[in-house]
Every structure is written in C-alpha cells, then in structure tokens.
Amino acid sequence: MASNQVPEAGTLLIAALLLLLLAFAGSWIIAYVQPGQNPWELVPWFLGAAGVIVVVGLLAVIIGGRRG
C-alpha cells in the first residue's frame, strides 16, 4: 500500500454497500406488504446501484494509487 493512500477507502466502500443493503431490505419489505406490488422488480435497480458503487470505489482506489 502506498504511504499516501487513504486506508479508509475500503471502509467507505463497505459502508456504502451496507447502507444500500439496508435500503434494499426496507424497500423489499414495503413492496412485499403492499397489495399488487412485486418486490422482485427492485432487484435490477439495486444491483445496478451496487455495481456503480463498486466501480466508483475501485476507480477511486486505482486513481489514488497511481497518484502516489
């Protein structure tokens, strides 16, 4: 690890994914108890958001590593 790289970058990535997981669980429960709602419709949106978070996090780590 480079000496100037922020070690909290991985922690922030995990925290963002955990917050997304909590939002997904809440949305799933709300969609499940409402009549006429299909909670499986939420999955592509949250998978896309998780993908964006991971890609942005990896880019931040790679770009931060190259600066050092």
N, C-alpha and C. Protein backbone atom coordinates (compact mmCIF):
# COMPACT_ATOMS: atom_id res chain seq x y z
N MET A 1 0.85 -1.18 0.00
CA MET A 1 0.00 0.00 0.00
C MET A 1 0.89 1.23 0.00
N ALA A 2 0.57 2.20 -0.81
CA ALA A 2 1.32 3.44 -0.87
C ALA A 2 1.15 4.22 0.43
N SER A 3 2.15 4.99 0.77
CA SER A 3 2.09 5.69 2.05
C SER A 3 1.07 6.83 2.06
N ASN A 4 0.74 7.39 0.89
CA ASN A 4 -0.21 8.50 0.86
C ASN A 4 -1.63 8.04 0.52
N GLN A 5 -1.85 6.75 0.34
CA GLN A 5 -3.18 6.24 0.01
C GLN A 5 -4.05 6.23 1.26
N VAL A 6 -5.28 6.63 1.10
CA VAL A 6 -6.20 6.69 2.24
C VAL A 6 -6.67 5.28 2.57
N PRO A 7 -6.37 4.78 3.78
CA PRO A 7 -6.78 3.41 4.11
C PRO A 7 -8.28 3.28 4.35
N GLU A 8 -8.96 4.38 4.48
CA GLU A 8 -10.40 4.34 4.74
C GLU A 8 -11.22 4.14 3.48
N ALA A 9 -10.58 4.08 2.31
CA ALA A 9 -11.33 3.94 1.06
C ALA A 9 -12.12 2.64 1.03
N GLY A 10 -11.52 1.56 1.47
CA GLY A 10 -12.23 0.28 1.52
C GLY A 10 -13.36 0.30 2.53
N THR A 11 -13.15 0.98 3.64
CA THR A 11 -14.18 1.08 4.67
C THR A 11 -15.38 1.87 4.16
N LEU A 12 -15.12 2.93 3.42
CA LEU A 12 -16.22 3.73 2.87
C LEU A 12 -17.00 2.93 1.82
N LEU A 13 -16.29 2.12 1.05
CA LEU A 13 -16.96 1.28 0.05
C LEU A 13 -17.87 0.27 0.74
N ILE A 14 -17.38 -0.37 1.77
CA ILE A 14 -18.19 -1.35 2.52
C ILE A 14 -19.38 -0.66 3.18
N ALA A 15 -19.16 0.52 3.74
CA ALA A 15 -20.25 1.25 4.40
C ALA A 15 -21.33 1.62 3.39
N ALA A 16 -20.93 2.05 2.20
CA ALA A 16 -21.92 2.41 1.17
C ALA A 16 -22.73 1.18 0.75
N LEU A 17 -22.05 0.04 0.61
CA LEU A 17 -22.77 -1.18 0.23
C LEU A 17 -23.70 -1.65 1.35
N LEU A 18 -23.30 -1.49 2.61
CA LEU A 18 -24.18 -1.87 3.72
C LEU A 18 -25.40 -0.96 3.80
N LEU A 19 -25.21 0.34 3.56
CA LEU A 19 -26.36 1.24 3.54
C LEU A 19 -27.31 0.90 2.39
N LEU A 20 -26.75 0.54 1.25
CA LEU A 20 -27.58 0.12 0.12
C LEU A 20 -28.35 -1.15 0.47
N LEU A 21 -27.71 -2.07 1.17
CA LEU A 21 -28.37 -3.30 1.60
C LEU A 21 -29.53 -3.00 2.55
N LEU A 22 -29.33 -2.08 3.47
CA LEU A 22 -30.42 -1.70 4.38
C LEU A 22 -31.58 -1.05 3.62
N ALA A 23 -31.25 -0.20 2.66
CA ALA A 23 -32.30 0.42 1.84
C ALA A 23 -33.06 -0.63 1.03
N PHE A 24 -32.32 -1.61 0.50
CA PHE A 24 -32.96 -2.67 -0.26
C PHE A 24 -33.90 -3.49 0.62
N ALA A 25 -33.44 -3.83 1.82
CA ALA A 25 -34.28 -4.63 2.73
C ALA A 25 -35.56 -3.87 3.08
N GLY A 26 -35.44 -2.59 3.37
CA GLY A 26 -36.62 -1.79 3.69
C GLY A 26 -37.56 -1.68 2.51
N SER A 27 -37.01 -1.46 1.33
CA SER A 27 -37.85 -1.36 0.14
C SER A 27 -38.53 -2.68 -0.18
N TRP A 28 -37.80 -3.78 0.03
CA TRP A 28 -38.37 -5.11 -0.22
C TRP A 28 -39.56 -5.34 0.71
N ILE A 29 -39.40 -5.03 1.99
CA ILE A 29 -40.48 -5.24 2.96
C ILE A 29 -41.69 -4.39 2.60
N ILE A 30 -41.46 -3.14 2.27
CA ILE A 30 -42.58 -2.25 1.92
C ILE A 30 -43.29 -2.77 0.66
N ALA A 31 -42.52 -3.19 -0.34
CA ALA A 31 -43.14 -3.70 -1.57
C ALA A 31 -43.85 -5.02 -1.33
N TYR A 32 -43.34 -5.82 -0.40
CA TYR A 32 -43.92 -7.14 -0.14
C TYR A 32 -45.28 -7.03 0.54
N VAL A 33 -45.43 -6.07 1.45
CA VAL A 33 -46.69 -5.98 2.20
C VAL A 33 -47.76 -5.19 1.46
N GLN A 34 -47.40 -4.44 0.44
CA GLN A 34 -48.40 -3.68 -0.31
C GLN A 34 -49.03 -4.58 -1.36
N PRO A 35 -50.35 -4.58 -1.44
CA PRO A 35 -51.01 -5.42 -2.44
C PRO A 35 -50.71 -4.94 -3.86
N GLY A 36 -50.50 -5.88 -4.73
CA GLY A 36 -50.26 -5.55 -6.14
C GLY A 36 -48.83 -5.18 -6.46
N GLN A 37 -47.94 -5.21 -5.50
CA GLN A 37 -46.53 -4.89 -5.74
C GLN A 37 -45.72 -6.17 -5.89
N ASN A 38 -44.75 -6.15 -6.76
CA ASN A 38 -43.84 -7.27 -6.95
C ASN A 38 -42.47 -6.84 -6.44
N PRO A 39 -42.02 -7.38 -5.31
CA PRO A 39 -40.73 -6.94 -4.77
C PRO A 39 -39.54 -7.33 -5.65
N TRP A 40 -39.71 -8.31 -6.54
CA TRP A 40 -38.61 -8.70 -7.42
C TRP A 40 -38.27 -7.62 -8.44
N GLU A 41 -39.18 -6.66 -8.65
CA GLU A 41 -38.90 -5.55 -9.56
C GLU A 41 -37.80 -4.64 -9.03
N LEU A 42 -37.51 -4.70 -7.74
CA LEU A 42 -36.49 -3.85 -7.14
C LEU A 42 -35.08 -4.36 -7.39
N VAL A 43 -34.94 -5.65 -7.64
CA VAL A 43 -33.61 -6.27 -7.72
C VAL A 43 -32.72 -5.63 -8.79
N PRO A 44 -33.17 -5.43 -10.02
CA PRO A 44 -32.27 -4.84 -11.02
C PRO A 44 -31.79 -3.44 -10.64
N TRP A 45 -32.65 -2.65 -10.04
CA TRP A 45 -32.26 -1.29 -9.66
C TRP A 45 -31.17 -1.30 -8.58
N PHE A 46 -31.35 -2.16 -7.58
CA PHE A 46 -30.36 -2.20 -6.51
C PHE A 46 -29.07 -2.88 -6.96
N LEU A 47 -29.15 -3.86 -7.85
CA LEU A 47 -27.93 -4.46 -8.39
C LEU A 47 -27.15 -3.44 -9.22
N GLY A 48 -27.86 -2.63 -9.96
CA GLY A 48 -27.21 -1.57 -10.73
C GLY A 48 -26.54 -0.55 -9.83
N ALA A 49 -27.23 -0.17 -8.76
CA ALA A 49 -26.64 0.78 -7.82
C ALA A 49 -25.42 0.19 -7.13
N ALA A 50 -25.47 -1.09 -6.78
CA ALA A 50 -24.32 -1.74 -6.16
C ALA A 50 -23.15 -1.79 -7.14
N GLY A 51 -23.44 -2.07 -8.39
CA GLY A 51 -22.39 -2.09 -9.40
C GLY A 51 -21.72 -0.74 -9.57
N VAL A 52 -22.52 0.31 -9.56
CA VAL A 52 -21.97 1.67 -9.68
C VAL A 52 -21.08 1.98 -8.47
N ILE A 53 -21.53 1.62 -7.28
CA ILE A 53 -20.75 1.88 -6.07
C ILE A 53 -19.41 1.15 -6.14
N VAL A 54 -19.43 -0.11 -6.55
CA VAL A 54 -18.19 -0.89 -6.63
C VAL A 54 -17.25 -0.31 -7.69
N VAL A 55 -17.77 0.04 -8.85
CA VAL A 55 -16.92 0.58 -9.91
C VAL A 55 -16.30 1.91 -9.49
N VAL A 56 -17.11 2.78 -8.92
CA VAL A 56 -16.59 4.08 -8.47
C VAL A 56 -15.55 3.88 -7.37
N GLY A 57 -15.81 2.96 -6.45
CA GLY A 57 -14.84 2.69 -5.39
C GLY A 57 -13.54 2.15 -5.92
N LEU A 58 -13.61 1.21 -6.87
CA LEU A 58 -12.39 0.66 -7.45
C LEU A 58 -11.62 1.71 -8.24
N LEU A 59 -12.33 2.54 -8.98
CA LEU A 59 -11.66 3.62 -9.71
C LEU A 59 -10.97 4.59 -8.76
N ALA A 60 -11.63 4.89 -7.65
CA ALA A 60 -11.03 5.81 -6.68
C ALA A 60 -9.76 5.22 -6.09
N VAL A 61 -9.76 3.92 -5.81
CA VAL A 61 -8.57 3.27 -5.26
C VAL A 61 -7.47 3.23 -6.31
N ILE A 62 -7.81 2.90 -7.55
CA ILE A 62 -6.80 2.82 -8.62
C ILE A 62 -6.21 4.18 -8.90
N ILE A 63 -7.06 5.19 -9.04
CA ILE A 63 -6.57 6.54 -9.33
C ILE A 63 -5.76 7.07 -8.14
N GLY A 64 -6.22 6.79 -6.93
CA GLY A 64 -5.46 7.22 -5.75
C GLY A 64 -4.11 6.54 -5.66
N GLY A 65 -4.03 5.28 -6.07
CA GLY A 65 -2.77 4.54 -6.05
C GLY A 65 -1.79 5.03 -7.10
N ARG A 66 -2.29 5.47 -8.25
CA ARG A 66 -1.41 5.96 -9.30
C ARG A 66 -0.86 7.35 -8.99
N ARG A 67 -1.57 8.11 -8.20
CA ARG A 67 -1.08 9.45 -7.86
C ARG A 67 0.12 9.38 -6.94
N GLY A 68 0.21 8.29 -6.18
CA GLY A 68 1.28 8.17 -5.18
C GLY A 68 2.57 7.71 -5.68
